Each structure stands twice: as C-alpha cells, then as structure tokens.
C-alpha cells in the first residue's frame, strides 16, 4: 500500500508543478510585453491554472503526510525540514507575488481580493504606466524561490540526509 500512497504524493507534485509552471512562464514573460491586452491575457491564463495548482497541492500534501505516517518517517528530521521548506516557499512566494500582482491587476482596472463587492471597479492606468509596472515583475526572485525550494525538498526526500 505504501507505494500507492507515494504514487499519490508524486502525482500531486506533478500536477502542482505542471499547473504552477504556467505562472512561472507568465511572470517571466510580463517584462517583455508591450501591450496591456497581452498582459491581461497572461494574467487570465495564470488564474485559469490555479485549480490545478490547488488540486496538486492538496494531493501532494495528502499523499506526503499519509506516506510519512505509514512509512514512520515523522521520527526523522528530513521530513520536518521538507515541510518547513514548503511552508517557507509558500510564505515567501505570497509576500513577494501578492503585492506585485495586486498592483498590476489594479493598474489594468481589474478587481482584486479585499475590495468591497459593491464598490466601484478600479480605474485602469495609462498604457505606459501599466507597462512600467509589468516591467518590474519579480520574476528572478520568484523563480529562485520556487526552483531553489523545490530542489531542496527533492534533495531531502530522495537522499533523506538526516
């Protein structure tokens, strides 16, 4: 049974990385854009991938915790370190990405979380201002956090160093 549980964990990780890859490519494309319509389309595509991101994250967490319990791994430090790295990645991504994408969406006149439902829609900024915000995409930082964190988690899970 343990191998099936690990398979669930791996499938979840695969779905998560595959779906979240859309956001990785999107954030790296934003600074190259010269048209706010294309920026909006990239943001919409990234938003559309979120269902896969959350389903994948749920499956990988469910499979990972289950495998950790079934395999008796919670007495080992590597699994706790992997969970800590995952939490650190999520927090860091949220702190870096959320303010930037909120600002970019508002500049495009899109509603964002936290706005009153009955409040007016934001007023879009001019094309030059939108492009200036898009050019400031924190692509390098977000990619480094995501890829670096993923490599650390893989190292912990495969080599189980402690």
Protein backbone atom coordinates (compact mmCIF):
# COMPACT_ATOMS: atom_id res chain seq x y z
CA UNK A 1 0.00 0.00 0.00
CA UNK A 2 2.87 2.36 0.81
CA UNK A 3 3.97 2.55 -2.85
CA UNK A 4 0.45 3.62 -3.89
CA UNK A 5 0.48 6.35 -1.26
CA UNK A 6 3.87 7.59 -2.51
CA UNK A 7 2.47 7.49 -6.06
CA UNK A 8 -0.40 9.74 -4.93
CA UNK A 9 2.17 12.13 -3.47
CA UNK A 10 4.21 12.15 -6.69
CA UNK A 11 1.13 12.60 -8.90
CA UNK A 12 0.09 15.54 -6.71
CA UNK A 13 3.56 17.06 -7.01
CA UNK A 14 3.50 16.57 -10.79
CA UNK A 15 0.05 18.20 -11.15
CA UNK A 16 1.17 21.07 -8.89
CA UNK A 17 4.42 21.74 -10.77
CA UNK A 18 2.76 21.34 -14.18
CA UNK A 19 -0.04 23.76 -13.31
CA UNK A 20 2.19 26.23 -11.47
CA UNK A 21 4.60 26.21 -14.41
CA UNK A 22 2.07 28.42 -16.20
CA UNK A 23 2.68 31.13 -13.60
CA UNK A 24 6.45 30.69 -13.87
CA UNK A 25 6.41 31.33 -17.61
CA UNK A 26 3.85 34.12 -17.24
CA UNK A 27 5.88 36.11 -14.70
CA UNK A 28 8.98 35.76 -16.88
CA UNK A 29 7.04 37.00 -19.95
CA UNK A 30 5.47 40.06 -18.32
CA UNK A 31 8.51 42.37 -18.59
CA UNK A 32 8.74 41.65 -22.34
CA UNK A 33 5.18 42.71 -23.10
CA UNK A 34 4.37 45.97 -24.90
CA UNK A 35 0.56 45.70 -24.88
CA UNK A 36 -1.71 45.76 -21.81
CA UNK A 37 -4.15 43.41 -23.56
CA UNK A 38 -1.48 40.71 -23.73
CA UNK A 39 -0.58 41.33 -20.09
CA UNK A 40 -4.23 40.83 -19.15
CA UNK A 41 -4.36 37.62 -21.21
CA UNK A 42 -1.25 36.28 -19.46
CA UNK A 43 -2.77 37.06 -16.05
CA UNK A 44 -6.03 35.35 -17.06
CA UNK A 45 -4.15 32.25 -18.22
CA UNK A 46 -2.26 32.11 -14.95
CA UNK A 47 -5.51 32.46 -12.97
CA UNK A 48 -7.05 29.63 -15.00
CA UNK A 49 -4.22 27.31 -13.91
CA UNK A 50 -4.92 27.83 -10.19
CA UNK A 51 -7.39 24.95 -9.93
CA UNK A 52 -4.64 22.55 -10.96
CA UNK A 53 -2.22 24.22 -8.56
CA UNK A 54 -4.55 23.76 -5.58
CA UNK A 55 -5.65 20.23 -6.53
CA UNK A 56 -1.99 19.24 -6.98
CA UNK A 57 -1.01 20.84 -3.67
CA UNK A 58 -3.85 19.03 -1.89
CA UNK A 59 -2.87 15.67 -3.39
CA UNK A 60 0.83 16.10 -2.65
CA UNK A 61 0.11 17.12 0.95
CA UNK A 62 -2.38 14.30 1.46
CA UNK A 63 -0.04 11.72 -0.08
CA UNK A 64 3.02 13.13 1.67
CA UNK A 65 1.51 13.18 5.16
CA UNK A 66 -0.06 9.76 4.63
CA UNK A 67 3.23 8.32 3.37
CA UNK A 68 5.05 9.96 6.28
CA UNK A 69 2.70 8.32 8.77
CA UNK A 70 2.57 4.94 7.01
CA UNK A 71 6.33 4.83 6.49
CA UNK A 72 7.18 6.00 10.01
CA UNK A 73 9.09 9.00 8.65
CA UNK A 74 7.86 11.59 11.15
CA UNK A 75 10.53 10.47 13.59
CA UNK A 76 13.17 11.63 11.09
CA UNK A 77 14.32 15.24 10.74
CA UNK A 78 14.36 15.30 6.90
CA UNK A 79 10.55 15.16 6.62
CA UNK A 80 10.12 18.03 9.07
CA UNK A 81 12.76 20.02 7.18
CA UNK A 82 10.92 19.37 3.89
CA UNK A 83 7.64 20.57 5.42
CA UNK A 84 9.42 23.64 6.80
CA UNK A 85 10.93 24.42 3.40
CA UNK A 86 7.49 24.05 1.75
CA UNK A 87 5.93 26.45 4.27
CA UNK A 88 8.83 28.90 3.77
CA UNK A 89 8.34 28.75 -0.02
CA UNK A 90 4.61 29.41 0.28
CA UNK A 91 5.13 32.35 2.66
CA UNK A 92 7.95 33.86 0.58
CA UNK A 93 6.00 33.49 -2.68
CA UNK A 94 2.95 35.09 -1.09
CA UNK A 95 4.94 38.01 0.33
CA UNK A 96 6.70 38.70 -2.98
CA UNK A 97 3.99 37.89 -5.53
CA UNK A 98 0.77 39.12 -3.93
CA UNK A 99 1.57 42.85 -3.64
CA UNK A 100 3.03 42.92 -7.15
CA UNK A 101 0.15 41.14 -8.86
CA UNK A 102 -2.42 43.11 -6.88
CA UNK A 103 -0.78 46.34 -8.08
CA UNK A 104 -0.61 45.07 -11.69
CA UNK A 105 -4.24 43.92 -11.72
CA UNK A 106 -5.41 47.23 -10.23
CA UNK A 107 -3.42 49.11 -12.89
CA UNK A 108 -5.35 47.16 -15.53
CA UNK A 109 -8.68 48.05 -13.90
CA UNK A 110 -9.28 44.54 -12.56
CA UNK A 111 -10.87 43.82 -9.22
CA UNK A 112 -8.70 42.18 -6.58
CA UNK A 113 -9.36 40.32 -3.34
CA UNK A 114 -10.21 42.59 -0.44
CA UNK A 115 -12.18 45.10 -2.48
CA UNK A 116 -15.77 45.73 -1.35
CA UNK A 117 -18.16 43.73 -3.54
CA UNK A 118 -20.40 46.72 -4.06
CA UNK A 119 -17.51 49.14 -4.57
CA UNK A 120 -16.61 50.65 -7.92
CA UNK A 121 -14.21 48.92 -10.28
CA UNK A 122 -10.66 50.30 -10.24
CA UNK A 123 -9.83 52.84 -12.91
CA UNK A 124 -7.21 51.49 -15.33
CA UNK A 125 -3.96 53.40 -15.61
CA UNK A 126 -2.44 54.54 -18.88
CA UNK A 127 -0.62 52.09 -21.14
CA UNK A 128 2.83 53.47 -20.24
CA UNK A 129 2.17 53.09 -16.50
CA UNK A 130 0.87 49.53 -16.94
CA UNK A 131 3.93 48.56 -18.97
CA UNK A 132 6.21 50.12 -16.35
CA UNK A 133 4.59 48.00 -13.62
CA UNK A 134 4.77 44.86 -15.79
CA UNK A 135 8.47 45.53 -16.38
CA UNK A 136 9.05 45.31 -12.62
CA UNK A 137 7.84 41.70 -12.38
CA UNK A 138 9.77 39.92 -9.61
CA UNK A 139 10.48 37.02 -11.96
CA UNK A 140 14.04 36.27 -10.82
CA UNK A 141 13.15 36.29 -7.13
CA UNK A 142 10.02 34.15 -7.57
CA UNK A 143 11.78 31.68 -9.87
CA UNK A 144 14.73 31.39 -7.48
CA UNK A 145 12.44 30.78 -4.50
CA UNK A 146 10.38 28.19 -6.38
CA UNK A 147 13.14 26.30 -8.16
CA UNK A 148 15.60 26.55 -5.27
CA UNK A 149 12.99 25.43 -2.76
CA UNK A 150 11.86 22.55 -4.96
CA UNK A 151 15.46 21.35 -5.34
CA UNK A 152 15.97 21.44 -1.57
CA UNK A 153 12.76 19.46 -1.00
CA UNK A 154 13.77 16.90 -3.64
CA UNK A 155 17.22 16.57 -2.04
CA UNK A 156 15.61 15.99 1.37
CA UNK A 157 13.09 13.46 0.07
CA UNK A 158 15.42 11.45 -2.15
CA UNK A 159 18.61 11.41 -0.04
CA UNK A 160 16.98 11.62 3.42
CA UNK A 161 20.21 13.10 4.83
CA UNK A 162 19.07 13.19 8.45
